Amino acid sequence: QVQLVESGGGLVQAGGSLRLSCAASGLTFRMYAMGWFRQVPGQEREFVAAINWNGNSTLYADSVKGRFTISRDNAKNTVDLQMDSLKPEDTAVYYCAANRRIFLGPQTTSSGGYNYWGQGTQVTASL
């Protein structure tokens, strides 16, 4: 049974930082690309960042480029999202997701391209 468990969310002042972590189990972690998405109530789930199977390739949404950094540790089966210079518009539930396509490609930014999802963690950046 595949499980993705996010942690590290919380409340932070605008301009601050948070680090999200996702622990994966029940799958061969190195055989999956990993992604982070976010969702605000009433809106569609939005792509944030993705990383390929070995960490050598990453992709970011324009809205977070230069502020967020995705990384993974295949020995620990974890993928992290370091979020700096947080803005109120970053407020959302953040989800970790696993994609059987180990390389990044056109499907990377679409939520439909992912096979497994975590339960989400709330991030709130206040003024």
N, C-alpha and C. Protein backbone atom coordinates (compact mmCIF):
# COMPACT_ATOMS: atom_id res chain seq x y z
N GLN A 1 0.84 -1.19 0.00
CA GLN A 1 0.00 0.00 0.00
C GLN A 1 0.88 1.24 0.00
N VAL A 2 0.68 2.07 -1.01
CA VAL A 2 1.49 3.28 -1.13
C VAL A 2 0.97 4.35 -0.18
N GLN A 3 1.91 4.98 0.52
CA GLN A 3 1.55 6.10 1.39
C GLN A 3 2.52 7.25 1.16
N LEU A 4 1.96 8.44 1.03
CA LEU A 4 2.73 9.67 0.99
C LEU A 4 2.23 10.54 2.13
N VAL A 5 3.13 10.91 3.02
CA VAL A 5 2.73 11.65 4.21
C VAL A 5 3.51 12.96 4.27
N GLU A 6 2.77 14.07 4.15
CA GLU A 6 3.39 15.40 4.20
C GLU A 6 3.49 15.89 5.64
N SER A 7 4.46 16.73 5.88
CA SER A 7 4.62 17.39 7.17
C SER A 7 5.32 18.72 6.97
N GLY A 8 5.27 19.57 7.99
CA GLY A 8 6.00 20.83 7.95
C GLY A 8 5.18 22.06 7.65
N GLY A 9 3.90 21.88 7.39
CA GLY A 9 3.06 23.05 7.14
C GLY A 9 2.83 23.85 8.41
N GLY A 10 2.23 25.03 8.25
CA GLY A 10 1.95 25.86 9.41
C GLY A 10 1.68 27.30 9.02
N LEU A 11 1.70 28.15 10.04
CA LEU A 11 1.43 29.58 9.87
C LEU A 11 2.75 30.35 9.95
N VAL A 12 2.97 31.22 9.00
CA VAL A 12 4.19 32.01 8.97
C VAL A 12 3.86 33.41 8.46
N GLN A 13 4.64 34.39 8.90
CA GLN A 13 4.44 35.75 8.40
C GLN A 13 4.96 35.85 6.97
N ALA A 14 4.34 36.71 6.20
CA ALA A 14 4.82 36.96 4.85
C ALA A 14 6.30 37.34 4.90
N GLY A 15 7.07 36.76 3.97
CA GLY A 15 8.50 36.97 3.96
C GLY A 15 9.28 35.88 4.67
N GLY A 16 8.57 35.05 5.42
CA GLY A 16 9.21 33.97 6.15
C GLY A 16 9.40 32.72 5.32
N SER A 17 9.84 31.65 5.99
CA SER A 17 10.16 30.40 5.32
C SER A 17 9.50 29.22 6.01
N LEU A 18 9.23 28.20 5.23
CA LEU A 18 8.78 26.91 5.73
C LEU A 18 9.43 25.83 4.89
N ARG A 19 9.60 24.66 5.49
CA ARG A 19 10.13 23.52 4.75
C ARG A 19 9.13 22.37 4.89
N LEU A 20 8.57 21.95 3.75
CA LEU A 20 7.67 20.81 3.72
C LEU A 20 8.47 19.55 3.43
N SER A 21 8.03 18.44 4.03
CA SER A 21 8.66 17.16 3.76
C SER A 21 7.57 16.14 3.44
N CYS A 22 7.89 15.20 2.56
CA CYS A 22 6.96 14.13 2.19
C CYS A 22 7.71 12.81 2.33
N ALA A 23 7.18 11.93 3.17
CA ALA A 23 7.77 10.61 3.37
C ALA A 23 6.97 9.58 2.60
N ALA A 24 7.64 8.81 1.76
CA ALA A 24 6.98 7.83 0.91
C ALA A 24 7.26 6.42 1.39
N SER A 25 6.24 5.56 1.28
CA SER A 25 6.41 4.14 1.61
C SER A 25 5.52 3.32 0.69
N GLY A 26 5.86 2.04 0.55
CA GLY A 26 5.05 1.15 -0.26
C GLY A 26 5.31 1.23 -1.74
N LEU A 27 6.35 1.94 -2.15
CA LEU A 27 6.71 2.03 -3.56
C LEU A 27 8.24 2.10 -3.68
N THR A 28 8.73 1.78 -4.86
CA THR A 28 10.17 1.90 -5.12
C THR A 28 10.43 3.36 -5.46
N PHE A 29 10.80 4.10 -4.45
CA PHE A 29 10.82 5.57 -4.53
C PHE A 29 11.66 6.09 -5.69
N ARG A 30 12.81 5.48 -5.92
CA ARG A 30 13.72 6.00 -6.96
C ARG A 30 13.15 5.79 -8.36
N MET A 31 12.07 5.03 -8.49
CA MET A 31 11.45 4.78 -9.79
C MET A 31 10.34 5.79 -10.10
N TYR A 32 10.20 6.83 -9.28
CA TYR A 32 9.15 7.82 -9.45
C TYR A 32 9.72 9.22 -9.49
N ALA A 33 9.20 10.01 -10.41
CA ALA A 33 9.37 11.45 -10.28
C ALA A 33 8.39 11.91 -9.19
N MET A 34 8.71 13.01 -8.54
CA MET A 34 7.88 13.51 -7.44
C MET A 34 7.50 14.96 -7.69
N GLY A 35 6.32 15.33 -7.23
CA GLY A 35 5.85 16.69 -7.43
C GLY A 35 5.16 17.24 -6.20
N TRP A 36 5.07 18.54 -6.18
CA TRP A 36 4.28 19.26 -5.18
C TRP A 36 3.22 20.08 -5.92
N PHE A 37 1.99 20.01 -5.42
CA PHE A 37 0.88 20.80 -5.92
C PHE A 37 0.27 21.55 -4.74
N ARG A 38 -0.57 22.53 -5.05
CA ARG A 38 -1.28 23.22 -3.98
C ARG A 38 -2.69 23.54 -4.44
N GLN A 39 -3.56 23.72 -3.46
CA GLN A 39 -4.97 23.97 -3.78
C GLN A 39 -5.60 24.89 -2.75
N VAL A 40 -6.31 25.87 -3.28
CA VAL A 40 -7.11 26.78 -2.47
C VAL A 40 -8.56 26.36 -2.63
N PRO A 41 -9.35 26.41 -1.57
CA PRO A 41 -10.77 26.00 -1.68
C PRO A 41 -11.46 26.72 -2.83
N GLY A 42 -12.18 25.93 -3.63
CA GLY A 42 -12.91 26.49 -4.74
C GLY A 42 -12.11 26.65 -6.01
N GLN A 43 -10.81 26.31 -5.94
CA GLN A 43 -9.96 26.43 -7.12
C GLN A 43 -9.37 25.07 -7.48
N GLU A 44 -8.85 24.96 -8.70
CA GLU A 44 -8.22 23.72 -9.14
C GLU A 44 -6.86 23.54 -8.47
N ARG A 45 -6.45 22.28 -8.39
CA ARG A 45 -5.13 22.00 -7.86
C ARG A 45 -4.07 22.54 -8.83
N GLU A 46 -3.06 23.20 -8.28
CA GLU A 46 -2.08 23.93 -9.08
C GLU A 46 -0.70 23.33 -8.91
N PHE A 47 0.00 23.15 -10.02
CA PHE A 47 1.37 22.65 -9.99
C PHE A 47 2.30 23.66 -9.31
N VAL A 48 3.21 23.15 -8.48
CA VAL A 48 4.18 24.01 -7.81
C VAL A 48 5.61 23.66 -8.26
N ALA A 49 5.99 22.39 -8.11
CA ALA A 49 7.37 21.99 -8.44
C ALA A 49 7.42 20.49 -8.63
N ALA A 50 8.44 20.03 -9.37
CA ALA A 50 8.64 18.60 -9.59
C ALA A 50 10.13 18.32 -9.70
N ILE A 51 10.47 17.06 -9.43
CA ILE A 51 11.87 16.62 -9.49
C ILE A 51 11.91 15.23 -10.10
N ASN A 52 12.91 14.97 -10.95
CA ASN A 52 12.96 13.66 -11.58
C ASN A 52 13.51 12.61 -10.63
N TRP A 53 13.67 11.40 -11.12
CA TRP A 53 13.96 10.26 -10.24
C TRP A 53 15.25 10.41 -9.45
N ASN A 54 16.28 11.03 -10.03
CA ASN A 54 17.56 11.09 -9.32
C ASN A 54 17.90 12.50 -8.85
N GLY A 55 16.98 13.43 -9.02
CA GLY A 55 17.21 14.78 -8.52
C GLY A 55 17.99 15.69 -9.44
N ASN A 56 18.34 15.20 -10.62
CA ASN A 56 19.16 16.01 -11.53
C ASN A 56 18.36 17.00 -12.36
N SER A 57 17.06 16.88 -12.33
CA SER A 57 16.21 17.77 -13.13
C SER A 57 15.03 18.23 -12.29
N THR A 58 14.77 19.53 -12.33
CA THR A 58 13.64 20.09 -11.57
C THR A 58 12.84 21.03 -12.47
N LEU A 59 11.61 21.27 -12.06
CA LEU A 59 10.72 22.16 -12.80
C LEU A 59 9.89 22.92 -11.77
N TYR A 60 9.68 24.22 -12.03
CA TYR A 60 8.94 25.06 -11.10
C TYR A 60 7.86 25.86 -11.83
N ALA A 61 6.78 26.13 -11.12
CA ALA A 61 5.81 27.09 -11.62
C ALA A 61 6.45 28.47 -11.60
N ASP A 62 6.06 29.31 -12.54
CA ASP A 62 6.63 30.66 -12.61
C ASP A 62 6.40 31.43 -11.31
N SER A 63 5.28 31.17 -10.67
CA SER A 63 4.91 31.93 -9.48
C SER A 63 5.82 31.65 -8.28
N VAL A 64 6.56 30.53 -8.31
CA VAL A 64 7.41 30.19 -7.17
C VAL A 64 8.90 30.14 -7.54
N LYS A 65 9.19 30.30 -8.81
CA LYS A 65 10.58 30.19 -9.28
C LYS A 65 11.46 31.22 -8.56
N GLY A 66 12.60 30.75 -8.05
CA GLY A 66 13.51 31.63 -7.33
C GLY A 66 13.22 31.74 -5.85
N ARG A 67 12.05 31.24 -5.41
CA ARG A 67 11.69 31.29 -3.99
C ARG A 67 11.58 29.91 -3.37
N PHE A 68 11.14 28.92 -4.16
CA PHE A 68 10.96 27.56 -3.67
C PHE A 68 12.04 26.66 -4.27
N THR A 69 12.44 25.64 -3.49
CA THR A 69 13.42 24.67 -3.97
C THR A 69 12.95 23.27 -3.60
N ILE A 70 12.88 22.39 -4.61
CA ILE A 70 12.50 21.00 -4.38
C ILE A 70 13.76 20.15 -4.36
N SER A 71 13.78 19.16 -3.47
CA SER A 71 14.91 18.25 -3.39
C SER A 71 14.41 16.88 -2.94
N ARG A 72 15.22 15.84 -3.13
CA ARG A 72 14.82 14.50 -2.72
C ARG A 72 16.02 13.75 -2.17
N ASP A 73 15.72 12.76 -1.33
CA ASP A 73 16.73 11.88 -0.78
C ASP A 73 16.24 10.45 -1.00
N ASN A 74 16.80 9.78 -2.00
CA ASN A 74 16.33 8.44 -2.34
C ASN A 74 16.71 7.40 -1.28
N ALA A 75 17.70 7.70 -0.47
CA ALA A 75 18.07 6.79 0.61
C ALA A 75 17.04 6.82 1.74
N LYS A 76 16.39 7.97 1.89
CA LYS A 76 15.41 8.14 2.97
C LYS A 76 13.96 8.11 2.48
N ASN A 77 13.79 8.02 1.14
CA ASN A 77 12.45 8.04 0.54
C ASN A 77 11.67 9.30 0.90
N THR A 78 12.35 10.43 0.79
CA THR A 78 11.70 11.70 1.10
C THR A 78 11.90 12.71 -0.02
N VAL A 79 10.95 13.61 -0.14
CA VAL A 79 11.06 14.75 -1.04
C VAL A 79 10.65 15.99 -0.24
N ASP A 80 11.44 17.03 -0.35
CA ASP A 80 11.22 18.25 0.42
C ASP A 80 10.91 19.43 -0.49
N LEU A 81 10.25 20.42 0.09
CA LEU A 81 10.00 21.68 -0.61
C LEU A 81 10.38 22.81 0.34
N GLN A 82 11.50 23.46 0.07
CA GLN A 82 11.92 24.62 0.85
C GLN A 82 11.24 25.85 0.27
N MET A 83 10.49 26.55 1.09
CA MET A 83 9.72 27.70 0.64
C MET A 83 10.24 28.94 1.37
N ASP A 84 10.83 29.84 0.62
CA ASP A 84 11.36 31.09 1.16
C ASP A 84 10.57 32.28 0.61
N SER A 85 10.71 33.41 1.28
CA SER A 85 10.03 34.64 0.85
C SER A 85 8.56 34.39 0.58
N LEU A 86 7.91 33.74 1.51
CA LEU A 86 6.50 33.38 1.33
C LEU A 86 5.63 34.61 1.22
N LYS A 87 4.60 34.49 0.38
CA LYS A 87 3.65 35.56 0.14
C LYS A 87 2.26 35.09 0.56
N PRO A 88 1.36 36.01 0.87
CA PRO A 88 -0.01 35.60 1.22
C PRO A 88 -0.65 34.73 0.14
N GLU A 89 -0.31 34.98 -1.12
CA GLU A 89 -0.91 34.18 -2.20
C GLU A 89 -0.34 32.77 -2.28
N ASP A 90 0.64 32.44 -1.46
CA ASP A 90 1.12 31.06 -1.37
C ASP A 90 0.26 30.23 -0.41
N THR A 91 -0.64 30.87 0.29
CA THR A 91 -1.51 30.17 1.23
C THR A 91 -2.37 29.14 0.49
N ALA A 92 -2.29 27.88 0.95
CA ALA A 92 -3.00 26.78 0.30
C ALA A 92 -2.74 25.50 1.06
N VAL A 93 -3.45 24.44 0.68
CA VAL A 93 -3.08 23.10 1.10
C VAL A 93 -2.09 22.55 0.09
N TYR A 94 -0.96 22.08 0.57
CA TYR A 94 0.11 21.57 -0.29
C TYR A 94 0.10 20.04 -0.28
N TYR A 95 0.16 19.48 -1.49
CA TYR A 95 0.10 18.03 -1.67
C TYR A 95 1.37 17.51 -2.33
N CYS A 96 1.83 16.39 -1.84
CA CYS A 96 2.93 15.66 -2.43
C CYS A 96 2.34 14.60 -3.37
N ALA A 97 3.00 14.34 -4.51
CA ALA A 97 2.48 13.36 -5.45
C ALA A 97 3.62 12.59 -6.13
N ALA A 98 3.33 11.35 -6.50
CA ALA A 98 4.31 10.49 -7.14
C ALA A 98 3.87 10.15 -8.56
N ASN A 99 4.83 10.19 -9.49
CA ASN A 99 4.57 9.98 -10.91
C ASN A 99 5.45 8.84 -11.42
N ARG A 100 4.82 7.80 -11.98
CA ARG A 100 5.59 6.64 -12.46
C ARG A 100 6.55 6.99 -13.58
N ARG A 101 6.29 8.06 -14.31
CA ARG A 101 7.24 8.49 -15.34
C ARG A 101 8.41 9.15 -14.62
N ILE A 102 9.55 8.51 -14.65
CA ILE A 102 10.68 8.97 -13.83
C ILE A 102 11.30 10.27 -14.34
N PHE A 103 11.08 10.55 -15.66
CA PHE A 103 11.62 11.77 -16.24
C PHE A 103 10.54 12.84 -16.29
N LEU A 104 10.94 14.09 -16.21
CA LEU A 104 10.00 15.19 -16.33
C LEU A 104 9.64 15.38 -17.79
N GLY A 105 8.40 15.78 -18.02
CA GLY A 105 7.95 15.97 -19.39
C GLY A 105 6.65 16.73 -19.42
N PRO A 106 5.93 16.67 -20.52
CA PRO A 106 4.68 17.44 -20.65
C PRO A 106 3.64 17.10 -19.58
N GLN A 107 3.71 15.87 -19.05
CA GLN A 107 2.70 15.47 -18.05
C GLN A 107 3.04 15.97 -16.66
N THR A 108 4.22 16.53 -16.49
CA THR A 108 4.72 16.87 -15.16
C THR A 108 3.87 17.90 -14.44
N THR A 109 3.34 18.87 -15.18
CA THR A 109 2.62 19.97 -14.53
C THR A 109 1.13 19.70 -14.39
N SER A 110 0.68 18.54 -14.84
CA SER A 110 -0.74 18.20 -14.76
C SER A 110 -0.99 17.24 -13.61
N SER A 111 -1.99 17.55 -12.79
CA SER A 111 -2.30 16.67 -11.66
C SER A 111 -2.73 15.29 -12.14
N GLY A 112 -3.30 15.21 -13.33
CA GLY A 112 -3.74 13.93 -13.88
C GLY A 112 -2.61 12.99 -14.23
N GLY A 113 -1.38 13.52 -14.29
CA GLY A 113 -0.24 12.69 -14.62
C GLY A 113 0.37 11.96 -13.45
N TYR A 114 -0.17 12.13 -12.27
CA TYR A 114 0.40 11.55 -11.05
C TYR A 114 -0.44 10.37 -10.57
N ASN A 115 0.23 9.40 -9.98
CA ASN A 115 -0.40 8.14 -9.62
C ASN A 115 -0.80 8.05 -8.15
N TYR A 116 -0.06 8.73 -7.30
CA TYR A 116 -0.33 8.66 -5.86
C TYR A 116 -0.23 10.05 -5.25
N TRP A 117 -1.06 10.26 -4.21
CA TRP A 117 -1.15 11.57 -3.56
C TRP A 117 -1.10 11.42 -2.05
N GLY A 118 -0.55 12.44 -1.40
CA GLY A 118 -0.63 12.54 0.05
C GLY A 118 -1.93 13.20 0.46
N GLN A 119 -2.08 13.37 1.77
CA GLN A 119 -3.34 13.92 2.31
C GLN A 119 -3.31 15.44 2.37
N GLY A 120 -2.15 16.03 2.20
CA GLY A 120 -2.04 17.48 2.18
C GLY A 120 -1.65 18.08 3.53
N THR A 121 -1.02 19.24 3.47
CA THR A 121 -0.65 19.98 4.67
C THR A 121 -0.91 21.47 4.42
N GLN A 122 -1.49 22.14 5.41
CA GLN A 122 -1.89 23.55 5.24
C GLN A 122 -0.69 24.47 5.43
N VAL A 123 -0.54 25.39 4.51
CA VAL A 123 0.45 26.46 4.62
C VAL A 123 -0.28 27.79 4.57
N THR A 124 -0.04 28.63 5.57
CA THR A 124 -0.67 29.94 5.63
C THR A 124 0.40 31.00 5.84
N ALA A 125 0.46 31.94 4.90
CA ALA A 125 1.39 33.07 5.00
C ALA A 125 0.56 34.32 5.21
N SER A 126 0.73 34.94 6.38
CA SER A 126 -0.11 36.08 6.73
C SER A 126 0.65 37.38 6.61
N LEU A 127 -0.09 38.46 6.39
CA LEU A 127 0.52 39.78 6.30
C LEU A 127 0.96 40.25 7.68
